PDB file of all heavy atoms in Angstrom:
ATOM      1  N   TYR A   1     101.230 -44.747  73.207  1.00  0.00           N
ATOM      2  CA  TYR A   1     100.556 -45.336  72.037  1.00  0.00           C
ATOM      3  C   TYR A   1      99.046 -45.330  72.247  1.00  0.00           C
ATOM      4  O   TYR A   1      98.272 -45.040  71.322  1.00  0.00           O
ATOM      5  CB  TYR A   1     101.045 -46.766  71.801  1.00  0.00           C
ATOM      6  CG  TYR A   1     102.424 -46.857  71.198  1.00  0.00           C
ATOM      7  CD1 TYR A   1     103.451 -47.541  71.859  1.00  0.00           C
ATOM      8  CD2 TYR A   1     102.716 -46.271  69.976  1.00  0.00           C
ATOM      9  CE1 TYR A   1     104.720 -47.625  71.314  1.00  0.00           C
ATOM     10  CE2 TYR A   1     103.984 -46.353  69.423  1.00  0.00           C
ATOM     11  CZ  TYR A   1     104.982 -47.030  70.102  1.00  0.00           C
ATOM     12  OH  TYR A   1     106.237 -47.106  69.561  1.00  0.00           O
ATOM     13  N   GLY A   2      98.616 -45.662  73.454  1.00  0.00           N
ATOM     14  CA  GLY A   2      97.191 -45.671  73.743  1.00  0.00           C
ATOM     15  C   GLY A   2      96.574 -44.294  73.580  1.00  0.00           C
ATOM     16  O   GLY A   2      95.477 -44.145  73.026  1.00  0.00           O
ATOM     17  N   ASP A   3      97.264 -43.274  74.075  1.00  0.00           N
ATOM     18  CA  ASP A   3      96.763 -41.906  73.926  1.00  0.00           C
ATOM     19  C   ASP A   3      96.653 -41.530  72.451  1.00  0.00           C
ATOM     20  O   ASP A   3      95.672 -40.877  72.038  1.00  0.00           O
ATOM     21  CB  ASP A   3      97.694 -40.923  74.643  1.00  0.00           C
ATOM     22  CG  ASP A   3      97.625 -41.038  76.159  1.00  0.00           C
ATOM     23  OD1 ASP A   3      96.694 -41.702  76.670  1.00  0.00           O
ATOM     24  OD2 ASP A   3      98.507 -40.469  76.834  1.00  0.00           O
ATOM     25  N   ALA A   4      97.662 -41.927  71.654  1.00  0.00           N
ATOM     26  CA  ALA A   4      97.637 -41.612  70.220  1.00  0.00           C
ATOM     27  C   ALA A   4      96.479 -42.320  69.525  1.00  0.00           C
ATOM     28  O   ALA A   4      95.798 -41.728  68.667  1.00  0.00           O
ATOM     29  CB  ALA A   4      98.970 -42.006  69.583  1.00  0.00           C
ATOM     30  N   ILE A   5      96.243 -43.570  69.891  1.00  0.00           N
ATOM     31  CA  ILE A   5      95.127 -44.317  69.309  1.00  0.00           C
ATOM     32  C   ILE A   5      93.794 -43.662  69.684  1.00  0.00           C
ATOM     33  O   ILE A   5      92.901 -43.502  68.843  1.00  0.00           O
ATOM     34  CB  ILE A   5      95.174 -45.787  69.772  1.00  0.00           C
ATOM     35  CG1 ILE A   5      96.365 -46.512  69.127  1.00  0.00           C
ATOM     36  CG2 ILE A   5      93.869 -46.513  69.435  1.00  0.00           C
ATOM     37  CD1 ILE A   5      96.666 -47.867  69.744  1.00  0.00           C
ATOM     38  N   GLU A   6      93.684 -43.256  70.947  1.00  0.00           N
ATOM     39  CA  GLU A   6      92.422 -42.665  71.416  1.00  0.00           C
ATOM     40  C   GLU A   6      92.106 -41.371  70.678  1.00  0.00           C
ATOM     41  O   GLU A   6      90.936 -41.104  70.359  1.00  0.00           O
ATOM     42  CB  GLU A   6      92.502 -42.413  72.918  1.00  0.00           C
ATOM     43  CG  GLU A   6      91.202 -41.899  73.513  1.00  0.00           C
ATOM     44  CD  GLU A   6      91.262 -41.756  75.012  1.00  0.00           C
ATOM     45  OE1 GLU A   6      92.378 -41.776  75.580  1.00  0.00           O
ATOM     46  OE2 GLU A   6      90.187 -41.607  75.633  1.00  0.00           O
ATOM     47  N   ARG A   7      93.120 -40.566  70.384  1.00  0.00           N
ATOM     48  CA  ARG A   7      92.865 -39.302  69.690  1.00  0.00           C
ATOM     49  C   ARG A   7      92.902 -39.461  68.169  1.00  0.00           C
ATOM     50  O   ARG A   7      92.821 -38.483  67.435  1.00  0.00           O
ATOM     51  CB  ARG A   7      93.859 -38.236  70.130  1.00  0.00           C
ATOM     52  CG  ARG A   7      95.293 -38.436  69.691  1.00  0.00           C
ATOM     53  CD  ARG A   7      96.153 -37.229  70.079  1.00  0.00           C
ATOM     54  NE  ARG A   7      97.497 -37.307  69.532  1.00  0.00           N
ATOM     55  CZ  ARG A   7      98.541 -37.855  70.147  1.00  0.00           C
ATOM     56  NH1 ARG A   7      98.367 -38.360  71.368  1.00  0.00           N
ATOM     57  NH2 ARG A   7      99.729 -37.891  69.564  1.00  0.00           N
ATOM     58  N   LYS A   8      93.047 -40.735  67.719  1.00  0.00           N
ATOM     59  CA  LYS A   8      93.071 -41.053  66.291  1.00  0.00           C
ATOM     60  C   LYS A   8      94.174 -40.283  65.572  1.00  0.00           C
ATOM     61  O   LYS A   8      93.978 -39.706  64.501  1.00  0.00           O
ATOM     62  CB  LYS A   8      91.713 -40.784  65.649  1.00  0.00           C
ATOM     63  CG  LYS A   8      90.593 -41.635  66.232  1.00  0.00           C
ATOM     64  CD  LYS A   8      89.264 -41.389  65.545  1.00  0.00           C
ATOM     65  CE  LYS A   8      88.175 -42.277  66.149  1.00  0.00           C
ATOM     66  NZ  LYS A   8      86.856 -42.059  65.514  1.00  0.00           N
ATOM     67  N   ALA A   9      95.352 -40.309  66.169  1.00  0.00           N
ATOM     68  CA  ALA A   9      96.503 -39.618  65.595  1.00  0.00           C
ATOM     69  C   ALA A   9      96.871 -40.228  64.249  1.00  0.00           C
ATOM     70  O   ALA A   9      96.671 -41.423  64.015  1.00  0.00           O
ATOM     71  CB  ALA A   9      97.693 -39.712  66.544  1.00  0.00           C
ATOM     72  N   PRO A  10      97.404 -39.431  63.324  1.00  0.00           N
ATOM     73  CA  PRO A  10      97.821 -39.965  62.019  1.00  0.00           C
ATOM     74  C   PRO A  10      98.774 -41.137  62.188  1.00  0.00           C
ATOM     75  O   PRO A  10      99.695 -41.097  63.007  1.00  0.00           O
ATOM     76  CB  PRO A  10      98.516 -38.766  61.362  1.00  0.00           C
ATOM     77  CG  PRO A  10      97.901 -37.571  62.008  1.00  0.00           C
ATOM     78  CD  PRO A  10      97.636 -37.977  63.431  1.00  0.00           C
ATOM     79  N   GLY A  11      98.533 -42.178  61.422  1.00  0.00           N
ATOM     80  CA  GLY A  11      99.379 -43.358  61.464  1.00  0.00           C
ATOM     81  C   GLY A  11      98.889 -44.447  62.387  1.00  0.00           C
ATOM     82  O   GLY A  11      99.465 -45.544  62.411  1.00  0.00           O
ATOM     83  N   THR A  12      97.836 -44.188  63.162  1.00  0.00           N
ATOM     84  CA  THR A  12      97.365 -45.178  64.144  1.00  0.00           C
ATOM     85  C   THR A  12      96.152 -45.972  63.678  1.00  0.00           C
ATOM     86  O   THR A  12      95.685 -46.841  64.411  1.00  0.00           O
ATOM     87  CB  THR A  12      97.027 -44.509  65.485  1.00  0.00           C
ATOM     88  OG1 THR A  12      95.935 -43.578  65.293  1.00  0.00           O
ATOM     89  CG2 THR A  12      98.227 -43.770  66.047  1.00  0.00           C
ATOM     90  N   ALA A  13      95.633 -45.700  62.499  1.00  0.00           N
ATOM     91  CA  ALA A  13      94.411 -46.378  62.049  1.00  0.00           C
ATOM     92  C   ALA A  13      94.580 -47.884  62.043  1.00  0.00           C
ATOM     93  O   ALA A  13      93.664 -48.633  62.415  1.00  0.00           O
ATOM     94  CB  ALA A  13      94.017 -45.878  60.663  1.00  0.00           C
ATOM     95  N   ASN A  14      95.748 -48.361  61.607  1.00  0.00           N
ATOM     96  CA  ASN A  14      96.019 -49.797  61.533  1.00  0.00           C
ATOM     97  C   ASN A  14      97.233 -50.167  62.376  1.00  0.00           C
ATOM     98  O   ASN A  14      98.025 -51.038  61.999  1.00  0.00           O
ATOM     99  CB  ASN A  14      96.213 -50.229  60.079  1.00  0.00           C
ATOM    100  CG  ASN A  14      94.901 -50.355  59.341  1.00  0.00           C
ATOM    101  OD1 ASN A  14      93.956 -50.974  59.833  1.00  0.00           O
ATOM    102  ND2 ASN A  14      94.811 -49.774  58.150  1.00  0.00           N
ATOM    103  N   LEU A  15      97.366 -49.509  63.526  1.00  0.00           N
ATOM    104  CA  LEU A  15      98.480 -49.774  64.442  1.00  0.00           C
ATOM    105  C   LEU A  15      98.116 -50.887  65.415  1.00  0.00           C
ATOM    106  O   LEU A  15      97.053 -50.862  66.038  1.00  0.00           O
ATOM    107  CB  LEU A  15      98.809 -48.508  65.231  1.00  0.00           C
ATOM    108  CG  LEU A  15      99.914 -48.633  66.289  1.00  0.00           C
ATOM    109  CD1 LEU A  15     101.271 -48.831  65.625  1.00  0.00           C
ATOM    110  CD2 LEU A  15      99.929 -47.392  67.190  1.00  0.00           C
ATOM    111  N   VAL A  16      99.001 -51.885  65.541  1.00  0.00           N
ATOM    112  CA  VAL A  16      98.872 -52.927  66.554  1.00  0.00           C
ATOM    113  C   VAL A  16     100.219 -53.121  67.228  1.00  0.00           C
ATOM    114  O   VAL A  16     101.254 -52.678  66.725  1.00  0.00           O
ATOM    115  CB  VAL A  16      98.383 -54.274  65.964  1.00  0.00           C
ATOM    116  CG1 VAL A  16      96.988 -54.149  65.380  1.00  0.00           C
ATOM    117  CG2 VAL A  16      99.369 -54.810  64.928  1.00  0.00           C
ATOM    118  N   LEU A  17     100.196 -53.784  68.380  1.00  0.00           N
ATOM    119  CA  LEU A  17     101.423 -54.116  69.098  1.00  0.00           C
ATOM    120  C   LEU A  17     101.471 -55.621  69.278  1.00  0.00           C
ATOM    121  O   LEU A  17     100.489 -56.233  69.695  1.00  0.00           O
ATOM    122  CB  LEU A  17     101.471 -53.434  70.463  1.00  0.00           C
ATOM    123  CG  LEU A  17     101.481 -51.900  70.460  1.00  0.00           C
ATOM    124  CD1 LEU A  17     100.067 -51.359  70.630  1.00  0.00           C
ATOM    125  CD2 LEU A  17     102.403 -51.354  71.550  1.00  0.00           C
ATOM    126  N   ASP A  18     102.604 -56.230  68.942  1.00  0.00           N
ATOM    127  CA  ASP A  18     102.764 -57.653  69.280  1.00  0.00           C
ATOM    128  C   ASP A  18     103.403 -57.734  70.661  1.00  0.00           C
ATOM    129  O   ASP A  18     104.171 -56.857  71.062  1.00  0.00           O
ATOM    130  CB  ASP A  18     103.521 -58.424  68.198  1.00  0.00           C
ATOM    131  CG  ASP A  18     105.043 -58.289  68.206  1.00  0.00           C
ATOM    132  OD1 ASP A  18     105.652 -58.383  69.287  1.00  0.00           O
ATOM    133  OD2 ASP A  18     105.629 -58.121  67.112  1.00  0.00           O
ATOM    134  N   ILE A  19     103.034 -58.760  71.406  1.00  0.00           N
ATOM    135  CA  ILE A  19     103.506 -58.850  72.795  1.00  0.00           C
ATOM    136  C   ILE A  19     104.524 -59.984  72.954  1.00  0.00           C
ATOM    137  O   ILE A  19     104.578 -60.653  73.977  1.00  0.00           O
ATOM    138  CB  ILE A  19     102.345 -58.969  73.798  1.00  0.00           C
ATOM    139  CG1 ILE A  19     101.386 -60.102  73.428  1.00  0.00           C
ATOM    140  CG2 ILE A  19     101.595 -57.656  73.878  1.00  0.00           C
ATOM    141  CD1 ILE A  19     100.310 -60.334  74.489  1.00  0.00           C
ATOM    142  N   SER A  20     105.357 -60.144  71.936  1.00  0.00           N
ATOM    143  CA  SER A  20     106.410 -61.153  72.008  1.00  0.00           C
ATOM    144  C   SER A  20     107.411 -60.798  73.101  1.00  0.00           C
ATOM    145  O   SER A  20     107.874 -59.660  73.209  1.00  0.00           O
ATOM    146  CB  SER A  20     107.129 -61.261  70.656  1.00  0.00           C
ATOM    147  OG  SER A  20     107.675 -60.012  70.276  1.00  0.00           O
ATOM    148  N   ALA A  21     107.736 -61.799  73.944  1.00  0.00           N
ATOM    149  CA  ALA A  21     108.768 -61.689  74.990  1.00  0.00           C
ATOM    150  C   ALA A  21     108.491 -60.574  75.990  1.00  0.00           C
ATOM    151  O   ALA A  21     109.403 -60.069  76.632  1.00  0.00           O
ATOM    152  CB  ALA A  21     110.146 -61.487  74.357  1.00  0.00           C
ATOM    153  N   VAL A  22     107.229 -60.190  76.139  1.00  0.00           N
ATOM    154  CA  VAL A  22     106.878 -59.167  77.121  1.00  0.00           C
ATOM    155  C   VAL A  22     106.647 -59.798  78.495  1.00  0.00           C
ATOM    156  O   VAL A  22     107.322 -59.480  79.464  1.00  0.00           O
ATOM    157  CB  VAL A  22     105.639 -58.363  76.664  1.00  0.00           C
ATOM    158  CG1 VAL A  22     105.163 -57.432  77.773  1.00  0.00           C
ATOM    159  CG2 VAL A  22     105.967 -57.560  75.411  1.00  0.00           C
ATOM    160  N   ALA A  23     105.685 -60.715  78.577  1.00  0.00           N
ATOM    161  CA  ALA A  23     105.327 -61.305  79.866  1.00  0.00           C
ATOM    162  C   ALA A  23     106.346 -62.322  80.360  1.00  0.00           C
ATOM    163  O   ALA A  23     106.444 -62.573  81.559  1.00  0.00           O
ATOM    164  CB  ALA A  23     103.951 -61.966  79.772  1.00  0.00           C
ATOM    165  N   GLN A  24     107.122 -62.896  79.438  1.00  0.00           N
ATOM    166  CA  GLN A  24     107.991 -64.016  79.817  1.00  0.00           C
ATOM    167  C   GLN A  24     109.451 -63.646  80.019  1.00  0.00           C
ATOM    168  O   GLN A  24     110.262 -64.510  80.345  1.00  0.00           O
ATOM    169  CB  GLN A  24     107.881 -65.119  78.752  1.00  0.00           C
ATOM    170  CG  GLN A  24     106.485 -65.722  78.680  1.00  0.00           C
ATOM    171  CD  GLN A  24     106.443 -66.895  77.733  1.00  0.00           C
ATOM    172  OE1 GLN A  24     107.247 -67.820  77.830  1.00  0.00           O
ATOM    173  NE2 GLN A  24     105.506 -66.876  76.801  1.00  0.00           N
ATOM    174  N   LEU A  25     109.808 -62.389  79.810  1.00  0.00           N
ATOM    175  CA  LEU A  25     111.193 -61.957  79.983  1.00  0.00           C
ATOM    176  C   LEU A  25     111.273 -61.055  81.207  1.00  0.00           C
ATOM    177  O   LEU A  25     110.648 -59.991  81.247  1.00  0.00           O
ATOM    178  CB  LEU A  25     111.677 -61.215  78.737  1.00  0.00           C
ATOM    179  CG  LEU A  25     113.173 -60.889  78.678  1.00  0.00           C
ATOM    180  CD1 LEU A  25     114.011 -62.162  78.664  1.00  0.00           C
ATOM    181  CD2 LEU A  25     113.484 -60.039  77.450  1.00  0.00           C
ATOM    182  N   ASP A  26     112.018 -61.490  82.213  1.00  0.00           N
ATOM    183  CA  ASP A  26     112.168 -60.736  83.459  1.00  0.00           C
ATOM    184  C   ASP A  26     113.441 -59.904  83.366  1.00  0.00           C
ATOM    185  O   ASP A  26     114.556 -60.429  83.462  1.00  0.00           O
ATOM    186  CB  ASP A  26     112.228 -61.706  84.641  1.00  0.00           C
ATOM    187  CG  ASP A  26     112.233 -60.999  85.986  1.00  0.00           C
ATOM    188  OD1 ASP A  26     112.440 -59.767  86.013  1.00  0.00           O
ATOM    189  OD2 ASP A  26     112.040 -61.680  87.016  1.00  0.00           O
ATOM    190  N   LEU A  27     113.302 -58.612  83.158  1.00  0.00           N
ATOM    191  CA  LEU A  27     114.457 -57.751  82.963  1.00  0.00           C
ATOM    192  C   LEU A  27     115.357 -57.693  84.187  1.00  0.00           C
ATOM    193  O   LEU A  27     116.560 -57.432  84.072  1.00  0.00           O
ATOM    194  CB  LEU A  27     113.989 -56.339  82.597  1.00  0.00           C
ATOM    195  CG  LEU A  27     113.237 -56.196  81.269  1.00  0.00           C
ATOM    196  CD1 LEU A  27     112.847 -54.741  81.037  1.00  0.00           C
ATOM    197  CD2 LEU A  27     114.063 -56.715  80.103  1.00  0.00           C
TER     198      LEU A  27
END
């Protein structure tokens, strides 16, 4: 996703990521 954002790939102009249950869920 970061690479796509950096190259301004189509669809990334208003792309965000929510970080729900990322740091607090131990797989």
